[in-house]
Amino acid sequence: MFHRQDELIKTHILPRLLTRCAKYDESFSEIKKPCEILTNYYVDTRYPDDLEIVEFDNPVKAAQAIELAEQVLKFVKAKIL
């Protein structure tokens, strides 16, 4: 987005960033679901008053989150490298 001189936004909400990226490349929609799931992990840990600790005490869910993060990272790296 910076390369396209798009307006800078400060956010950790991945779907918001994804929507901005999809304006320039529709293939970003392929990682919509992983971004939605991963955003919940950030928001929940950033704002612990709403934290469901059970979500973070589950090794299976933790492994799934790592796998999703790797998918998103691989996708984005392929776009910028």
Protein backbone atom coordinates (compact mmCIF):
# COMPACT_ATOMS: atom_id res chain seq x y z
CA MET A 1 0.00 0.00 0.00
CA PHE A 2 2.88 2.35 0.76
CA HIS A 3 4.28 1.64 -2.69
CA ARG A 4 0.93 2.73 -4.14
CA GLN A 5 1.02 5.90 -2.03
CA ASP A 6 -2.12 4.82 -0.24
CA GLU A 7 -3.04 6.56 2.99
CA LEU A 8 -1.15 5.19 5.99
CA ILE A 9 -3.37 3.60 8.59
CA LYS A 10 -2.29 2.49 12.03
CA THR A 11 -4.04 -0.74 12.87
CA HIS A 12 -3.44 -4.28 14.01
CA ILE A 13 -6.75 -5.46 12.58
CA LEU A 14 -5.68 -7.75 9.78
CA PRO A 15 -9.01 -7.80 7.89
CA ARG A 16 -8.83 -4.00 7.65
CA LEU A 17 -5.35 -4.20 6.14
CA LEU A 18 -6.45 -7.04 3.89
CA THR A 19 -9.34 -5.01 2.49
CA ARG A 20 -6.93 -2.22 1.63
CA CYS A 21 -4.55 -4.66 -0.09
CA ALA A 22 -7.38 -6.30 -2.02
CA LYS A 23 -8.12 -2.95 -3.68
CA TYR A 24 -4.89 -3.46 -5.60
CA ASP A 25 -4.75 -7.26 -5.78
CA GLU A 26 -7.91 -9.33 -5.39
CA SER A 27 -5.92 -12.47 -4.60
CA PHE A 28 -5.51 -11.15 -1.05
CA SER A 29 -9.04 -12.41 -0.46
CA GLU A 30 -7.49 -15.91 -0.37
CA ILE A 31 -6.17 -15.21 3.13
CA LYS A 32 -9.31 -13.57 4.52
CA LYS A 33 -10.26 -16.36 6.93
CA PRO A 34 -6.75 -16.80 8.42
CA CYS A 35 -6.54 -13.02 8.93
CA GLU A 36 -9.88 -12.94 10.71
CA ILE A 37 -8.83 -15.75 13.05
CA LEU A 38 -5.39 -14.30 13.77
CA THR A 39 -6.80 -10.85 14.52
CA ASN A 40 -8.80 -12.38 17.36
CA TYR A 41 -5.60 -13.61 18.96
CA TYR A 42 -4.08 -10.15 18.89
CA VAL A 43 -7.17 -8.29 20.10
CA ASP A 44 -7.84 -10.76 22.90
CA THR A 45 -4.29 -10.54 24.25
CA ARG A 46 -4.05 -6.77 23.76
CA TYR A 47 -7.29 -6.17 25.65
CA PRO A 48 -7.20 -8.79 28.42
CA ASP A 49 -10.45 -7.65 30.07
CA ASP A 50 -12.26 -9.54 27.33
CA LEU A 51 -9.80 -12.44 27.36
CA GLU A 52 -11.07 -15.98 27.16
CA ILE A 53 -8.05 -17.68 28.73
CA VAL A 54 -9.32 -21.07 27.57
CA GLU A 55 -8.53 -20.03 23.98
CA PHE A 56 -4.86 -19.61 24.84
CA ASP A 57 -4.46 -22.70 26.95
CA ASN A 58 -5.16 -25.11 24.11
CA PRO A 59 -2.09 -26.59 22.36
CA VAL A 60 -4.13 -27.61 19.30
CA LYS A 61 -5.50 -24.10 18.77
CA ALA A 62 -2.04 -22.65 19.35
CA ALA A 63 -0.59 -24.92 16.66
CA GLN A 64 -3.41 -23.95 14.29
CA ALA A 65 -2.73 -20.24 14.90
CA ILE A 66 0.95 -20.75 14.13
CA GLU A 67 0.05 -22.57 10.92
CA LEU A 68 -2.30 -19.76 9.89
CA ALA A 69 0.34 -17.14 10.63
CA GLU A 70 2.83 -19.06 8.48
CA GLN A 71 0.27 -19.20 5.62
CA VAL A 72 -0.30 -15.44 5.77
CA LEU A 73 3.41 -14.70 6.00
CA LYS A 74 4.21 -16.95 3.04
CA PHE A 75 1.46 -15.35 0.96
CA VAL A 76 2.57 -11.79 1.74
CA LYS A 77 6.26 -12.54 1.22
CA ALA A 78 5.46 -13.97 -2.21
CA LYS A 79 3.76 -10.69 -3.07
CA ILE A 80 6.58 -8.39 -1.98
CA LEU A 81 9.69 -10.36 -2.84
